[in-house]
Amino acid sequence: MKYIIKTTFLAPRRDGRWRLAYARYAGNVGNNFLSNLWRMDSENDPGNAALRCVWGITGRMGGNAFAEFWPDVKKIMFKKKPASPQPAAGERQ
């Protein structure tokens, strides 16, 4: 869980250190407030834009959780059944 939260707010730099993912959030906030220009009057106020920003962060966290846990869930859910042994050529059944 700690990794999911960490990767929601931080991003790795080229040197391997983790830093605040400021561009990700500048884009999220900019996009949601800019989209107020073409939204209906009932949803183009700053409160709704801020709520969309929160949903964007929440969606990112959900995507991180999916990427982190899906391989393990997939292994458990979609186990292949062992193949039944086939008789060797020339053996009677």
PDB file of N, CA and C in Angstrom:
ATOM      1  N   MET A   1       0.818  -1.190   0.000  1.00  0.00           N
ATOM      2  CA  MET A   1       0.000   0.000   0.000  1.00  0.00           C
ATOM      3  C   MET A   1       0.865   1.258   0.000  1.00  0.00           C
ATOM      4  N   LYS A   2       1.941   1.191   0.719  1.00  0.00           N
ATOM      5  CA  LYS A   2       2.825   2.349   0.822  1.00  0.00           C
ATOM      6  C   LYS A   2       3.358   2.738  -0.570  1.00  0.00           C
ATOM      7  N   TYR A   3       3.698   1.744  -1.368  1.00  0.00           N
ATOM      8  CA  TYR A   3       4.222   2.003  -2.710  1.00  0.00           C
ATOM      9  C   TYR A   3       3.158   2.651  -3.594  1.00  0.00           C
ATOM     10  N   ILE A   4       1.918   2.214  -3.450  1.00  0.00           N
ATOM     11  CA  ILE A   4       0.826   2.777  -4.246  1.00  0.00           C
ATOM     12  C   ILE A   4       0.663   4.263  -3.952  1.00  0.00           C
ATOM     13  N   ILE A   5       0.666   4.608  -2.693  1.00  0.00           N
ATOM     14  CA  ILE A   5       0.532   6.017  -2.311  1.00  0.00           C
ATOM     15  C   ILE A   5       1.763   6.802  -2.749  1.00  0.00           C
ATOM     16  N   LYS A   6       2.934   6.217  -2.563  1.00  0.00           N
ATOM     17  CA  LYS A   6       4.179   6.884  -2.957  1.00  0.00           C
ATOM     18  C   LYS A   6       4.180   7.218  -4.445  1.00  0.00           C
ATOM     19  N   THR A   7       3.795   6.251  -5.279  1.00  0.00           N
ATOM     20  CA  THR A   7       3.839   6.480  -6.729  1.00  0.00           C
ATOM     21  C   THR A   7       2.695   7.346  -7.215  1.00  0.00           C
ATOM     22  N   THR A   8       1.716   7.615  -6.360  1.00  0.00           N
ATOM     23  CA  THR A   8       0.659   8.547  -6.727  1.00  0.00           C
ATOM     24  C   THR A   8       1.172   9.981  -6.685  1.00  0.00           C
ATOM     25  N   PHE A   9       2.016  10.287  -5.720  1.00  0.00           N
ATOM     26  CA  PHE A   9       2.465  11.654  -5.535  1.00  0.00           C
ATOM     27  C   PHE A   9       3.909  11.910  -5.956  1.00  0.00           C
ATOM     28  N   LEU A  10       4.677  10.849  -6.142  1.00  0.00           N
ATOM     29  CA  LEU A  10       6.088  10.997  -6.498  1.00  0.00           C
ATOM     30  C   LEU A  10       6.376  10.292  -7.819  1.00  0.00           C
ATOM     31  N   ALA A  11       7.459  10.693  -8.457  1.00  0.00           N
ATOM     32  CA  ALA A  11       7.893  10.056  -9.699  1.00  0.00           C
ATOM     33  C   ALA A  11       9.415   9.883  -9.648  1.00  0.00           C
ATOM     34  N   PRO A  12       9.926   8.799 -10.231  1.00  0.00           N
ATOM     35  CA  PRO A  12      11.377   8.609 -10.222  1.00  0.00           C
ATOM     36  C   PRO A  12      12.059   9.536 -11.232  1.00  0.00           C
ATOM     37  N   ARG A  13      13.179  10.101 -10.816  1.00  0.00           N
ATOM     38  CA  ARG A  13      13.981  10.918 -11.735  1.00  0.00           C
ATOM     39  C   ARG A  13      14.965  10.023 -12.461  1.00  0.00           C
ATOM     40  N   ARG A  14      15.681  10.575 -13.385  1.00  0.00           N
ATOM     41  CA  ARG A  14      16.664   9.797 -14.165  1.00  0.00           C
ATOM     42  C   ARG A  14      17.759   9.209 -13.288  1.00  0.00           C
ATOM     43  N   ASP A  15      18.083   9.922 -12.213  1.00  0.00           N
ATOM     44  CA  ASP A  15      19.139   9.432 -11.322  1.00  0.00           C
ATOM     45  C   ASP A  15      18.624   8.411 -10.308  1.00  0.00           C
ATOM     46  N   GLY A  16      17.326   8.056 -10.377  1.00  0.00           N
ATOM     47  CA  GLY A  16      16.769   7.047  -9.500  1.00  0.00           C
ATOM     48  C   GLY A  16      16.117   7.573  -8.232  1.00  0.00           C
ATOM     49  N   ARG A  17      16.309   8.851  -7.940  1.00  0.00           N
ATOM     50  CA  ARG A  17      15.683   9.421  -6.737  1.00  0.00           C
ATOM     51  C   ARG A  17      14.220   9.741  -7.013  1.00  0.00           C
ATOM     52  N   TRP A  18      13.394   9.655  -5.984  1.00  0.00           N
ATOM     53  CA  TRP A  18      11.972   9.969  -6.091  1.00  0.00           C
ATOM     54  C   TRP A  18      11.743  11.421  -5.711  1.00  0.00           C
ATOM     55  N   ARG A  19      11.005  12.133  -6.555  1.00  0.00           N
ATOM     56  CA  ARG A  19      10.688  13.538  -6.300  1.00  0.00           C
ATOM     57  C   ARG A  19       9.208  13.773  -6.564  1.00  0.00           C
ATOM     58  N   LEU A  20       8.714  14.897  -6.074  1.00  0.00           N
ATOM     59  CA  LEU A  20       7.320  15.264  -6.273  1.00  0.00           C
ATOM     60  C   LEU A  20       6.989  15.303  -7.765  1.00  0.00           C
ATOM     61  N   ALA A  21       5.885  14.696  -8.143  1.00  0.00           N
ATOM     62  CA  ALA A  21       5.468  14.647  -9.548  1.00  0.00           C
ATOM     63  C   ALA A  21       4.679  15.913  -9.881  1.00  0.00           C
ATOM     64  N   TYR A  22       5.341  17.055  -9.832  1.00  0.00           N
ATOM     65  CA  TYR A  22       4.660  18.339  -9.989  1.00  0.00           C
ATOM     66  C   TYR A  22       4.027  18.510 -11.359  1.00  0.00           C
ATOM     67  N   ALA A  23       4.656  18.006 -12.410  1.00  0.00           N
ATOM     68  CA  ALA A  23       4.090  18.165 -13.755  1.00  0.00           C
ATOM     69  C   ALA A  23       2.781  17.391 -13.892  1.00  0.00           C
ATOM     70  N   ARG A  24       2.711  16.237 -13.276  1.00  0.00           N
ATOM     71  CA  ARG A  24       1.485  15.425 -13.312  1.00  0.00           C
ATOM     72  C   ARG A  24       0.330  16.206 -12.701  1.00  0.00           C
ATOM     73  N   TYR A  25       0.590  16.865 -11.579  1.00  0.00           N
ATOM     74  CA  TYR A  25      -0.485  17.569 -10.897  1.00  0.00           C
ATOM     75  C   TYR A  25      -0.757  18.939 -11.496  1.00  0.00           C
ATOM     76  N   ALA A  26       0.233  19.563 -12.063  1.00  0.00           N
ATOM     77  CA  ALA A  26      -0.015  20.811 -12.782  1.00  0.00           C
ATOM     78  C   ALA A  26      -0.921  20.532 -13.983  1.00  0.00           C
ATOM     79  N   GLY A  27      -0.664  19.434 -14.675  1.00  0.00           N
ATOM     80  CA  GLY A  27      -1.510  19.052 -15.805  1.00  0.00           C
ATOM     81  C   GLY A  27      -2.919  18.699 -15.367  1.00  0.00           C
ATOM     82  N   ASN A  28      -3.039  17.989 -14.271  1.00  0.00           N
ATOM     83  CA  ASN A  28      -4.350  17.602 -13.751  1.00  0.00           C
ATOM     84  C   ASN A  28      -5.164  18.843 -13.378  1.00  0.00           C
ATOM     85  N   VAL A  29      -4.559  19.745 -12.626  1.00  0.00           N
ATOM     86  CA  VAL A  29      -5.263  20.949 -12.192  1.00  0.00           C
ATOM     87  C   VAL A  29      -5.555  21.849 -13.390  1.00  0.00           C
ATOM     88  N   GLY A  30      -4.568  22.055 -14.248  1.00  0.00           N
ATOM     89  CA  GLY A  30      -4.768  22.904 -15.421  1.00  0.00           C
ATOM     90  C   GLY A  30      -5.864  22.378 -16.322  1.00  0.00           C
ATOM     91  N   ASN A  31      -5.858  21.084 -16.562  1.00  0.00           N
ATOM     92  CA  ASN A  31      -6.868  20.470 -17.417  1.00  0.00           C
ATOM     93  C   ASN A  31      -8.267  20.652 -16.831  1.00  0.00           C
ATOM     94  N   ASN A  32      -8.412  20.398 -15.548  1.00  0.00           N
ATOM     95  CA  ASN A  32      -9.739  20.457 -14.947  1.00  0.00           C
ATOM     96  C   ASN A  32     -10.288  21.878 -14.850  1.00  0.00           C
ATOM     97  N   PHE A  33      -9.436  22.853 -14.624  1.00  0.00           N
ATOM     98  CA  PHE A  33      -9.923  24.227 -14.583  1.00  0.00           C
ATOM     99  C   PHE A  33     -10.124  24.786 -15.986  1.00  0.00           C
ATOM    100  N   LEU A  34      -9.281  24.390 -16.931  1.00  0.00           N
ATOM    101  CA  LEU A  34      -9.465  24.832 -18.311  1.00  0.00           C
ATOM    102  C   LEU A  34     -10.748  24.254 -18.908  1.00  0.00           C
ATOM    103  N   SER A  35     -11.079  23.045 -18.532  1.00  0.00           N
ATOM    104  CA  SER A  35     -12.292  22.425 -19.078  1.00  0.00           C
ATOM    105  C   SER A  35     -13.556  23.138 -18.606  1.00  0.00           C
ATOM    106  N   ASN A  36     -13.464  24.025 -17.629  1.00  0.00           N
ATOM    107  CA  ASN A  36     -14.625  24.814 -17.219  1.00  0.00           C
ATOM    108  C   ASN A  36     -15.134  25.689 -18.357  1.00  0.00           C
ATOM    109  N   LEU A  37     -14.263  26.009 -19.316  1.00  0.00           N
ATOM    110  CA  LEU A  37     -14.660  26.884 -20.429  1.00  0.00           C
ATOM    111  C   LEU A  37     -15.755  26.269 -21.284  1.00  0.00           C
ATOM    112  N   TRP A  38     -15.766  24.966 -21.449  1.00  0.00           N
ATOM    113  CA  TRP A  38     -16.766  24.343 -22.318  1.00  0.00           C
ATOM    114  C   TRP A  38     -17.765  23.466 -21.566  1.00  0.00           C
ATOM    115  N   ARG A  39     -17.726  23.499 -20.259  1.00  0.00           N
ATOM    116  CA  ARG A  39     -18.701  22.736 -19.472  1.00  0.00           C
ATOM    117  C   ARG A  39     -19.974  23.555 -19.252  1.00  0.00           C
ATOM    118  N   MET A  40     -21.047  22.840 -18.945  1.00  0.00           N
ATOM    119  CA  MET A  40     -22.313  23.507 -18.662  1.00  0.00           C
ATOM    120  C   MET A  40     -22.172  24.361 -17.407  1.00  0.00           C
ATOM    121  N   ASP A  41     -23.020  25.380 -17.295  1.00  0.00           N
ATOM    122  CA  ASP A  41     -22.949  26.291 -16.155  1.00  0.00           C
ATOM    123  C   ASP A  41     -23.071  25.565 -14.818  1.00  0.00           C
ATOM    124  N   SER A  42     -23.809  24.476 -14.786  1.00  0.00           N
ATOM    125  CA  SER A  42     -24.025  23.770 -13.527  1.00  0.00           C
ATOM    126  C   SER A  42     -22.784  23.025 -13.039  1.00  0.00           C
ATOM    127  N   GLU A  43     -21.781  22.871 -13.899  1.00  0.00           N
ATOM    128  CA  GLU A  43     -20.584  22.137 -13.462  1.00  0.00           C
ATOM    129  C   GLU A  43     -19.278  22.854 -13.784  1.00  0.00           C
ATOM    130  N   ASN A  44     -19.320  24.153 -14.058  1.00  0.00           N
ATOM    131  CA  ASN A  44     -18.077  24.849 -14.404  1.00  0.00           C
ATOM    132  C   ASN A  44     -17.615  25.842 -13.341  1.00  0.00           C
ATOM    133  N   ASP A  45     -17.901  25.552 -12.093  1.00  0.00           N
ATOM    134  CA  ASP A  45     -17.417  26.428 -11.028  1.00  0.00           C
ATOM    135  C   ASP A  45     -16.137  25.852 -10.419  1.00  0.00           C
ATOM    136  N   PRO A  46     -15.398  26.642  -9.652  1.00  0.00           N
ATOM    137  CA  PRO A  46     -14.136  26.165  -9.077  1.00  0.00           C
ATOM    138  C   PRO A  46     -14.299  24.947  -8.168  1.00  0.00           C
ATOM    139  N   GLY A  47     -15.416  24.846  -7.458  1.00  0.00           N
ATOM    140  CA  GLY A  47     -15.632  23.695  -6.584  1.00  0.00           C
ATOM    141  C   GLY A  47     -15.696  22.387  -7.373  1.00  0.00           C
ATOM    142  N   ASN A  48     -16.405  22.413  -8.489  1.00  0.00           N
ATOM    143  CA  ASN A  48     -16.482  21.211  -9.328  1.00  0.00           C
ATOM    144  C   ASN A  48     -15.134  20.891  -9.966  1.00  0.00           C
ATOM    145  N   ALA A  49     -14.395  21.927 -10.351  1.00  0.00           N
ATOM    146  CA  ALA A  49     -13.069  21.689 -10.918  1.00  0.00           C
ATOM    147  C   ALA A  49     -12.146  21.065  -9.875  1.00  0.00           C
ATOM    148  N   ALA A  50     -12.214  21.548  -8.643  1.00  0.00           N
ATOM    149  CA  ALA A  50     -11.395  20.981  -7.573  1.00  0.00           C
ATOM    150  C   ALA A  50     -11.790  19.534  -7.304  1.00  0.00           C
ATOM    151  N   LEU A  51     -13.082  19.250  -7.344  1.00  0.00           N
ATOM    152  CA  LEU A  51     -13.548  17.879  -7.156  1.00  0.00           C
ATOM    153  C   LEU A  51     -13.026  16.968  -8.269  1.00  0.00           C
ATOM    154  N   ARG A  52     -13.017  17.468  -9.501  1.00  0.00           N
ATOM    155  CA  ARG A  52     -12.457  16.672 -10.609  1.00  0.00           C
ATOM    156  C   ARG A  52     -10.968  16.429 -10.408  1.00  0.00           C
ATOM    157  N   CYS A  53     -10.261  17.384  -9.818  1.00  0.00           N
ATOM    158  CA  CYS A  53      -8.832  17.195  -9.511  1.00  0.00           C
ATOM    159  C   CYS A  53      -8.651  16.070  -8.496  1.00  0.00           C
ATOM    160  N   VAL A  54      -9.487  16.059  -7.473  1.00  0.00           N
ATOM    161  CA  VAL A  54      -9.417  15.001  -6.460  1.00  0.00           C
ATOM    162  C   VAL A  54      -9.718  13.651  -7.102  1.00  0.00           C
ATOM    163  N   TRP A  55     -10.730  13.604  -7.972  1.00  0.00           N
ATOM    164  CA  TRP A  55     -11.040  12.350  -8.668  1.00  0.00           C
ATOM    165  C   TRP A  55      -9.877  11.915  -9.554  1.00  0.00           C
ATOM    166  N   GLY A  56      -9.159  12.871 -10.134  1.00  0.00           N
ATOM    167  CA  GLY A  56      -7.993  12.525 -10.946  1.00  0.00           C
ATOM    168  C   GLY A  56      -6.898  11.870 -10.113  1.00  0.00           C
ATOM    169  N   ILE A  57      -6.649  12.404  -8.931  1.00  0.00           N
ATOM    170  CA  ILE A  57      -5.645  11.817  -8.028  1.00  0.00           C
ATOM    171  C   ILE A  57      -6.108  10.440  -7.566  1.00  0.00           C
ATOM    172  N   THR A  58      -7.386  10.343  -7.229  1.00  0.00           N
ATOM    173  CA  THR A  58      -7.938   9.058  -6.794  1.00  0.00           C
ATOM    174  C   THR A  58      -7.850   8.024  -7.904  1.00  0.00           C
ATOM    175  N   GLY A  59      -8.124   8.448  -9.127  1.00  0.00           N
ATOM    176  CA  GLY A  59      -8.006   7.537 -10.271  1.00  0.00           C
ATOM    177  C   GLY A  59      -6.575   7.074 -10.485  1.00  0.00           C
ATOM    178  N   ARG A  60      -5.648   7.973 -10.293  1.00  0.00           N
ATOM    179  CA  ARG A  60      -4.230   7.603 -10.412  1.00  0.00           C
ATOM    180  C   ARG A  60      -3.867   6.565  -9.354  1.00  0.00           C
ATOM    181  N   MET A  61      -4.343   6.777  -8.142  1.00  0.00           N
ATOM    182  CA  MET A  61      -4.056   5.839  -7.059  1.00  0.00           C
ATOM    183  C   MET A  61      -4.685   4.475  -7.356  1.00  0.00           C
ATOM    184  N   GLY A  62      -5.897   4.485  -7.886  1.00  0.00           N
ATOM    185  CA  GLY A  62      -6.546   3.238  -8.257  1.00  0.00           C
ATOM    186  C   GLY A  62      -5.802   2.512  -9.360  1.00  0.00           C
ATOM    187  N   GLY A  63      -5.313   3.255 -10.333  1.00  0.00           N
ATOM    188  CA  GLY A  63      -4.522   2.651 -11.405  1.00  0.00           C
ATOM    189  C   GLY A  63      -3.230   2.050 -10.887  1.00  0.00           C
ATOM    190  N   ASN A  64      -2.596   2.738  -9.944  1.00  0.00           N
ATOM    191  CA  ASN A  64      -1.379   2.206  -9.334  1.00  0.00           C
ATOM    192  C   ASN A  64      -1.665   0.917  -8.574  1.00  0.00           C
ATOM    193  N   ALA A  65      -2.798   0.898  -7.859  1.00  0.00           N
ATOM    194  CA  ALA A  65      -3.166  -0.303  -7.103  1.00  0.00           C
ATOM    195  C   ALA A  65      -3.427  -1.465  -8.059  1.00  0.00           C
ATOM    196  N   PHE A  66      -4.112  -1.195  -9.149  1.00  0.00           N
ATOM    197  CA  PHE A  66      -4.390  -2.237 -10.137  1.00  0.00           C
ATOM    198  C   PHE A  66      -3.083  -2.783 -10.712  1.00  0.00           C
ATOM    199  N   ALA A  67      -2.184  -1.893 -11.103  1.00  0.00           N
ATOM    200  CA  ALA A  67      -0.904  -2.329 -11.677  1.00  0.00           C
ATOM    201  C   ALA A  67      -0.081  -3.126 -10.671  1.00  0.00           C
ATOM    202  N   GLU A  68      -0.193  -2.780  -9.396  1.00  0.00           N
ATOM    203  CA  GLU A  68       0.582  -3.459  -8.362  1.00  0.00           C
ATOM    204  C   GLU A  68       0.028  -4.845  -8.036  1.00  0.00           C
ATOM    205  N   PHE A  69      -1.284  -4.954  -7.921  1.00  0.00           N
ATOM    206  CA  PHE A  69      -1.872  -6.200  -7.436  1.00  0.00           C
ATOM    207  C   PHE A  69      -2.418  -7.122  -8.522  1.00  0.00           C
ATOM    208  N   TRP A  70      -2.655  -6.634  -9.730  1.00  0.00           N
ATOM    209  CA  TRP A  70      -3.264  -7.466 -10.758  1.00  0.00           C
ATOM    210  C   TRP A  70      -2.451  -8.722 -11.090  1.00  0.00           C
ATOM    211  N   PRO A  71      -1.141  -8.666 -11.211  1.00  0.00           N
ATOM    212  CA  PRO A  71      -0.412  -9.911 -11.514  1.00  0.00           C
ATOM    213  C   PRO A  71      -0.663 -11.010 -10.483  1.00  0.00           C
ATOM    214  N   ASP A  72      -0.710 -10.660  -9.201  1.00  0.00           N
ATOM    215  CA  ASP A  72      -0.961 -11.657  -8.164  1.00  0.00           C
ATOM    216  C   ASP A  72      -2.402 -12.155  -8.212  1.00  0.00           C
ATOM    217  N   VAL A  73      -3.335 -11.238  -8.424  1.00  0.00           N
ATOM    218  CA  VAL A  73      -4.744 -11.624  -8.505  1.00  0.00           C
ATOM    219  C   VAL A  73      -4.965 -12.530  -9.707  1.00  0.00           C
ATOM    220  N   LYS A  74      -4.327 -12.196 -10.807  1.00  0.00           N
ATOM    221  CA  LYS A  74      -4.480 -12.992 -12.034  1.00  0.00           C
ATOM    222  C   LYS A  74      -3.967 -14.412 -11.830  1.00  0.00           C
ATOM    223  N   LYS A  75      -2.861 -14.560 -11.125  1.00  0.00           N
ATOM    224  CA  LYS A  75      -2.323 -15.895 -10.849  1.00  0.00           C
ATOM    225  C   LYS A  75      -3.304 -16.729 -10.044  1.00  0.00           C
ATOM    226  N   ILE A  76      -3.941 -16.090  -9.066  1.00  0.00           N
ATOM    227  CA  ILE A  76      -4.871 -16.809  -8.203  1.00  0.00           C
ATOM    228  C   ILE A  76      -6.168 -17.129  -8.934  1.00  0.00           C
ATOM    229  N   MET A  77      -6.685 -16.174  -9.668  1.00  0.00           N
ATOM    230  CA  MET A  77      -7.988 -16.347 -10.305  1.00  0.00           C
ATOM    231  C   MET A  77      -7.968 -17.269 -11.518  1.00  0.00           C
ATOM    232  N   PHE A  78      -6.903 -17.227 -12.266  1.00  0.00           N
ATOM    233  CA  PHE A  78      -6.866 -17.949 -13.533  1.00  0.00           C
ATOM    234  C   PHE A  78      -5.833 -19.061 -13.520  1.00  0.00           C
ATOM    235  N   LYS A  79      -5.844 -19.845 -12.473  1.00  0.00           N
ATOM    236  CA  LYS A  79      -4.926 -20.975 -12.408  1.00  0.00           C
ATOM    237  C   LYS A  79      -5.263 -21.960 -13.510  1.00  0.00           C
ATOM    238  N   LYS A  80      -4.241 -22.457 -14.167  1.00  0.00           N
ATOM    239  CA  LYS A  80      -4.451 -23.482 -15.185  1.00  0.00           C
ATOM    240  C   LYS A  80      -4.559 -24.826 -14.485  1.00  0.00           C
ATOM    241  N   LYS A  81      -5.515 -25.597 -14.904  1.00  0.00           N
ATOM    242  CA  LYS A  81      -5.667 -26.931 -14.336  1.00  0.00           C
ATOM    243  C   LYS A  81      -4.573 -27.818 -14.889  1.00  0.00           C
ATOM    244  N   PRO A  82      -4.003 -28.660 -14.054  1.00  0.00           N
ATOM    245  CA  PRO A  82      -2.948 -29.533 -14.562  1.00  0.00           C
ATOM    246  C   PRO A  82      -3.526 -30.465 -15.626  1.00  0.00           C
ATOM    247  N   ALA A  83      -2.754 -30.641 -16.658  1.00  0.00           N
ATOM    248  CA  ALA A  83      -3.192 -31.517 -17.747  1.00  0.00           C
ATOM    249  C   ALA A  83      -3.176 -32.959 -17.265  1.00  0.00           C
ATOM    250  N   SER A  84      -4.186 -33.700 -17.691  1.00  0.00           N
ATOM    251  CA  SER A  84      -4.203 -35.117 -17.306  1.00  0.00           C
ATOM    252  C   SER A  84      -3.127 -35.848 -18.096  1.00  0.00           C
ATOM    253  N   PRO A  85      -2.471 -36.789 -17.464  1.00  0.00           N
ATOM    254  CA  PRO A  85      -1.375 -37.481 -18.175  1.00  0.00           C
ATOM    255  C   PRO A  85      -1.922 -38.267 -19.379  1.00  0.00           C
ATOM    256  N   GLN A  86      -1.255 -38.133 -20.475  1.00  0.00           N
ATOM    257  CA  GLN A  86      -1.643 -38.835 -21.701  1.00  0.00           C
ATOM    258  C   GLN A  86      -0.915 -40.166 -21.755  1.00  0.00           C
ATOM    259  N   PRO A  87      -1.604 -41.218 -22.188  1.00  0.00           N
ATOM    260  CA  PRO A  87      -0.917 -42.510 -22.311  1.00  0.00           C
ATOM    261  C   PRO A  87       0.183 -42.429 -23.373  1.00  0.00           C
ATOM    262  N   ALA A  88       1.252 -43.113 -23.105  1.00  0.00           N
ATOM    263  CA  ALA A  88       2.365 -43.131 -24.060  1.00  0.00           C
ATOM    264  C   ALA A  88       1.945 -43.901 -25.307  1.00  0.00           C
ATOM    265  N   ALA A  89       2.608 -43.643 -26.383  1.00  0.00           N
ATOM    266  CA  ALA A  89       2.290 -44.318 -27.648  1.00  0.00           C
ATOM    267  C   ALA A  89       2.442 -45.843 -27.478  1.00  0.00           C
ATOM    268  N   GLY A  90       1.440 -46.570 -27.902  1.00  0.00           N
ATOM    269  CA  GLY A  90       1.497 -48.018 -27.829  1.00  0.00           C
ATOM    270  C   GLY A  90       0.945 -48.588 -26.549  1.00  0.00           C
ATOM    271  N   GLU A  91       0.667 -47.729 -25.540  1.00  0.00           N
ATOM    272  CA  GLU A  91       0.082 -48.223 -24.294  1.00  0.00           C
ATOM    273  C   GLU A  91      -1.413 -48.403 -24.461  1.00  0.00           C
ATOM    274  N   ARG A  92      -1.930 -49.386 -23.748  1.00  0.00           N
ATOM    275  CA  ARG A  92      -3.379 -49.581 -23.773  1.00  0.00           C
ATOM    276  C   ARG A  92      -4.011 -48.724 -22.715  1.00  0.00           C
ATOM    277  N   GLN A  93      -5.213 -48.346 -22.970  1.00  0.00           N
ATOM    278  CA  GLN A  93      -5.935 -47.526 -22.001  1.00  0.00           C
ATOM    279  C   GLN A  93      -6.788 -48.379 -21.118  1.00  0.00           C
TER     280      GLN A  93
END
